[in-house]
Amino acid sequence: MVGKYHLFGIQSSKLLRPKPSKNQLPDLKTLNPDNTLGHTVYRKPTHTDKYLNGSSHHHPSQLATVGKSLFQRARKICDENHIAGELQHVKRVLQRNQLKTPHQRHKGPKPPSVERFFLPPILILYKIIRARHVC
């Protein structure tokens, strides 16, 4: 019986193939009303939304990282049709786990910390030679 073994009385093919729900394929992709593919965060049906509890004795930086990572994941994976619902879900999960909602510091891409100027190699060589002869 190759490929038809049972695990706790459940056929293996049923374990490996999740059933698609309404307008959702069994992974990150969802079907939009106009029949285009969208993306959202996928959670297994057995996912419990339990993370570190905010009243536990973990270090505050570890507690803050939970919310930050959940928001980052939502922003990177979800498309514009699903981002609002996913952010609401993350906020509810953080409240249930007694965690603080992190403040969004940057609305757009992070600005560079140091402004960099790139010079052609010949100008760099000229500046080095000129600095040696000035002394």
C-alpha atoms as a PDB file:
ATOM      1  CA  MET A   1       0.000   0.000   0.000  1.00  0.00           C
ATOM      2  CA  VAL A   2       2.393   2.693  -1.166  1.00  0.00           C
ATOM      3  CA  GLY A   3       1.022   6.223  -0.707  1.00  0.00           C
ATOM      4  CA  LYS A   4      -2.142   5.064   1.104  1.00  0.00           C
ATOM      5  CA  TYR A   5      -0.956   4.789   4.703  1.00  0.00           C
ATOM      6  CA  HIS A   6      -3.100   5.963   7.580  1.00  0.00           C
ATOM      7  CA  LEU A   7      -2.063   8.249  10.419  1.00  0.00           C
ATOM      8  CA  PHE A   8      -4.385   8.076  13.425  1.00  0.00           C
ATOM      9  CA  GLY A   9      -7.133   6.823  11.130  1.00  0.00           C
ATOM     10  CA  ILE A  10      -6.815   9.719   8.638  1.00  0.00           C
ATOM     11  CA  GLN A  11      -5.830   8.990   5.073  1.00  0.00           C
ATOM     12  CA  SER A  12      -2.524  10.647   4.120  1.00  0.00           C
ATOM     13  CA  SER A  13      -3.903  12.361   1.021  1.00  0.00           C
ATOM     14  CA  LYS A  14      -6.378  14.263   3.215  1.00  0.00           C
ATOM     15  CA  LEU A  15      -3.558  15.535   5.413  1.00  0.00           C
ATOM     16  CA  LEU A  16      -1.504  16.884   2.531  1.00  0.00           C
ATOM     17  CA  ARG A  17      -4.215  18.681   0.575  1.00  0.00           C
ATOM     18  CA  PRO A  18      -5.929  21.563   2.363  1.00  0.00           C
ATOM     19  CA  LYS A  19      -9.359  22.387   1.002  1.00  0.00           C
ATOM     20  CA  PRO A  20      -9.706  25.830  -0.574  1.00  0.00           C
ATOM     21  CA  SER A  21     -12.173  28.074   1.207  1.00  0.00           C
ATOM     22  CA  LYS A  22     -14.445  30.639  -0.408  1.00  0.00           C
ATOM     23  CA  ASN A  23     -12.449  32.640  -2.982  1.00  0.00           C
ATOM     24  CA  GLN A  24      -9.153  31.446  -1.522  1.00  0.00           C
ATOM     25  CA  LEU A  25      -6.591  29.002  -2.809  1.00  0.00           C
ATOM     26  CA  PRO A  26      -4.737  26.885  -0.211  1.00  0.00           C
ATOM     27  CA  ASP A  27      -1.700  29.186  -0.010  1.00  0.00           C
ATOM     28  CA  LEU A  28      -1.019  32.936  -0.013  1.00  0.00           C
ATOM     29  CA  LYS A  29      -3.062  33.658  -3.124  1.00  0.00           C
ATOM     30  CA  THR A  30      -6.697  34.804  -3.064  1.00  0.00           C
ATOM     31  CA  LEU A  31      -9.143  35.447  -5.869  1.00  0.00           C
ATOM     32  CA  ASN A  32     -10.281  39.048  -6.135  1.00  0.00           C
ATOM     33  CA  PRO A  33     -13.840  39.844  -7.309  1.00  0.00           C
ATOM     34  CA  ASP A  34     -12.493  40.657 -10.786  1.00  0.00           C
ATOM     35  CA  ASN A  35     -10.904  37.142 -10.984  1.00  0.00           C
ATOM     36  CA  THR A  36      -7.339  38.405 -10.534  1.00  0.00           C
ATOM     37  CA  LEU A  37      -4.965  36.892  -8.009  1.00  0.00           C
ATOM     38  CA  GLY A  38      -4.275  38.705  -4.749  1.00  0.00           C
ATOM     39  CA  HIS A  39      -1.961  37.960  -1.816  1.00  0.00           C
ATOM     40  CA  THR A  40      -2.632  37.714   1.886  1.00  0.00           C
ATOM     41  CA  VAL A  41      -1.081  36.047   4.929  1.00  0.00           C
ATOM     42  CA  TYR A  42      -1.897  32.339   5.060  1.00  0.00           C
ATOM     43  CA  ARG A  43      -2.649  30.709   8.403  1.00  0.00           C
ATOM     44  CA  LYS A  44      -3.178  27.017   8.877  1.00  0.00           C
ATOM     45  CA  PRO A  45      -6.661  26.096  10.110  1.00  0.00           C
ATOM     46  CA  THR A  46      -5.088  24.966  13.401  1.00  0.00           C
ATOM     47  CA  HIS A  47      -3.302  28.307  14.002  1.00  0.00           C
ATOM     48  CA  THR A  48      -4.256  29.688  17.442  1.00  0.00           C
ATOM     49  CA  ASP A  49      -2.896  33.284  17.226  1.00  0.00           C
ATOM     50  CA  LYS A  50      -1.071  32.778  20.513  1.00  0.00           C
ATOM     51  CA  TYR A  51       2.199  34.652  20.906  1.00  0.00           C
ATOM     52  CA  LEU A  52       4.188  35.865  23.914  1.00  0.00           C
ATOM     53  CA  ASN A  53       1.813  37.191  26.547  1.00  0.00           C
ATOM     54  CA  GLY A  54       2.334  40.861  27.370  1.00  0.00           C
ATOM     55  CA  SER A  55       2.089  40.223  31.105  1.00  0.00           C
ATOM     56  CA  SER A  56       4.834  37.583  31.015  1.00  0.00           C
ATOM     57  CA  HIS A  57       8.329  38.223  32.314  1.00  0.00           C
ATOM     58  CA  HIS A  58      10.013  38.412  28.933  1.00  0.00           C
ATOM     59  CA  HIS A  59      12.327  41.295  28.144  1.00  0.00           C
ATOM     60  CA  PRO A  60      10.422  44.342  26.794  1.00  0.00           C
ATOM     61  CA  SER A  61      12.395  44.270  23.539  1.00  0.00           C
ATOM     62  CA  GLN A  62      11.226  40.689  22.910  1.00  0.00           C
ATOM     63  CA  LEU A  63       7.614  41.677  23.562  1.00  0.00           C
ATOM     64  CA  ALA A  64       7.892  44.667  21.211  1.00  0.00           C
ATOM     65  CA  THR A  65       9.377  42.515  18.463  1.00  0.00           C
ATOM     66  CA  VAL A  66       6.257  40.326  18.251  1.00  0.00           C
ATOM     67  CA  GLY A  67       4.008  43.150  17.065  1.00  0.00           C
ATOM     68  CA  LYS A  68       6.656  44.665  14.861  1.00  0.00           C
ATOM     69  CA  SER A  69       7.292  41.402  13.025  1.00  0.00           C
ATOM     70  CA  LEU A  70       3.573  40.702  12.521  1.00  0.00           C
ATOM     71  CA  PHE A  71       3.026  44.157  11.023  1.00  0.00           C
ATOM     72  CA  GLN A  72       6.105  43.834   8.791  1.00  0.00           C
ATOM     73  CA  ARG A  73       4.906  40.462   7.523  1.00  0.00           C
ATOM     74  CA  ALA A  74       1.457  41.874   6.724  1.00  0.00           C
ATOM     75  CA  ARG A  75       2.885  44.869   4.859  1.00  0.00           C
ATOM     76  CA  LYS A  76       5.298  42.753   2.812  1.00  0.00           C
ATOM     77  CA  ILE A  77       2.905  39.964   1.825  1.00  0.00           C
ATOM     78  CA  CYS A  78      -0.579  41.502   1.476  1.00  0.00           C
ATOM     79  CA  ASP A  79      -1.756  43.404  -1.562  1.00  0.00           C
ATOM     80  CA  GLU A  80      -3.785  46.617  -1.321  1.00  0.00           C
ATOM     81  CA  ASN A  81      -7.118  44.739  -1.275  1.00  0.00           C
ATOM     82  CA  HIS A  82      -6.224  42.687   1.818  1.00  0.00           C
ATOM     83  CA  ILE A  83      -3.835  44.889   3.828  1.00  0.00           C
ATOM     84  CA  ALA A  84      -6.520  46.702   5.877  1.00  0.00           C
ATOM     85  CA  GLY A  85      -8.158  43.474   7.020  1.00  0.00           C
ATOM     86  CA  GLU A  86      -4.843  41.879   7.888  1.00  0.00           C
ATOM     87  CA  LEU A  87      -3.688  44.909   9.911  1.00  0.00           C
ATOM     88  CA  GLN A  88      -6.995  44.838  11.830  1.00  0.00           C
ATOM     89  CA  HIS A  89      -6.470  41.131  12.519  1.00  0.00           C
ATOM     90  CA  VAL A  90      -2.935  41.789  13.818  1.00  0.00           C
ATOM     91  CA  LYS A  91      -4.224  44.543  16.125  1.00  0.00           C
ATOM     92  CA  ARG A  92      -6.900  42.213  17.564  1.00  0.00           C
ATOM     93  CA  VAL A  93      -4.322  39.458  18.083  1.00  0.00           C
ATOM     94  CA  LEU A  94      -1.977  41.844  19.906  1.00  0.00           C
ATOM     95  CA  GLN A  95      -4.814  43.011  22.172  1.00  0.00           C
ATOM     96  CA  ARG A  96      -5.785  39.413  22.998  1.00  0.00           C
ATOM     97  CA  ASN A  97      -2.164  38.643  23.876  1.00  0.00           C
ATOM     98  CA  GLN A  98      -1.911  41.851  25.981  1.00  0.00           C
ATOM     99  CA  LEU A  99       0.813  43.263  23.736  1.00  0.00           C
ATOM    100  CA  LYS A 100       1.252  46.890  22.704  1.00  0.00           C
ATOM    101  CA  THR A 101       0.596  47.934  19.127  1.00  0.00           C
ATOM    102  CA  PRO A 102       3.874  49.358  17.752  1.00  0.00           C
ATOM    103  CA  HIS A 103       3.902  52.862  16.331  1.00  0.00           C
ATOM    104  CA  GLN A 104       4.605  53.149  12.626  1.00  0.00           C
ATOM    105  CA  ARG A 105       7.616  55.406  12.357  1.00  0.00           C
ATOM    106  CA  HIS A 106       8.028  55.611   8.589  1.00  0.00           C
ATOM    107  CA  LYS A 107       5.171  55.853   6.142  1.00  0.00           C
ATOM    108  CA  GLY A 108       7.365  55.333   3.079  1.00  0.00           C
ATOM    109  CA  PRO A 109      10.757  53.883   2.367  1.00  0.00           C
ATOM    110  CA  LYS A 110      13.381  54.605   4.976  1.00  0.00           C
ATOM    111  CA  PRO A 111      15.580  57.592   4.049  1.00  0.00           C
ATOM    112  CA  PRO A 112      19.306  56.910   3.792  1.00  0.00           C
ATOM    113  CA  SER A 113      21.165  57.619   7.012  1.00  0.00           C
ATOM    114  CA  VAL A 114      24.231  58.994   5.231  1.00  0.00           C
ATOM    115  CA  GLU A 115      24.196  60.842   1.938  1.00  0.00           C
ATOM    116  CA  ARG A 116      26.732  59.158  -0.273  1.00  0.00           C
ATOM    117  CA  PHE A 117      28.580  60.738  -3.148  1.00  0.00           C
ATOM    118  CA  PHE A 118      30.184  58.512  -5.717  1.00  0.00           C
ATOM    119  CA  LEU A 119      33.178  59.965  -7.506  1.00  0.00           C
ATOM    120  CA  PRO A 120      34.824  58.483 -10.567  1.00  0.00           C
ATOM    121  CA  PRO A 121      38.123  56.749  -9.686  1.00  0.00           C
ATOM    122  CA  ILE A 122      40.202  59.320 -11.577  1.00  0.00           C
ATOM    123  CA  LEU A 123      38.911  62.139  -9.341  1.00  0.00           C
ATOM    124  CA  ILE A 124      39.691  60.145  -6.211  1.00  0.00           C
ATOM    125  CA  LEU A 125      43.259  59.588  -7.447  1.00  0.00           C
ATOM    126  CA  TYR A 126      43.579  63.308  -8.286  1.00  0.00           C
ATOM    127  CA  LYS A 127      42.444  64.293  -4.769  1.00  0.00           C
ATOM    128  CA  ILE A 128      44.954  61.904  -3.165  1.00  0.00           C
ATOM    129  CA  ILE A 129      47.875  63.214  -5.257  1.00  0.00           C
ATOM    130  CA  ARG A 130      46.878  66.837  -4.708  1.00  0.00           C
ATOM    131  CA  ALA A 131      46.627  66.310  -0.926  1.00  0.00           C
ATOM    132  CA  ARG A 132      50.161  64.859  -0.827  1.00  0.00           C
ATOM    133  CA  HIS A 133      51.700  67.771  -2.739  1.00  0.00           C
ATOM    134  CA  VAL A 134      50.027  70.489  -0.665  1.00  0.00           C
ATOM    135  CA  CYS A 135      51.932  69.505   2.474  1.00  0.00           C
END
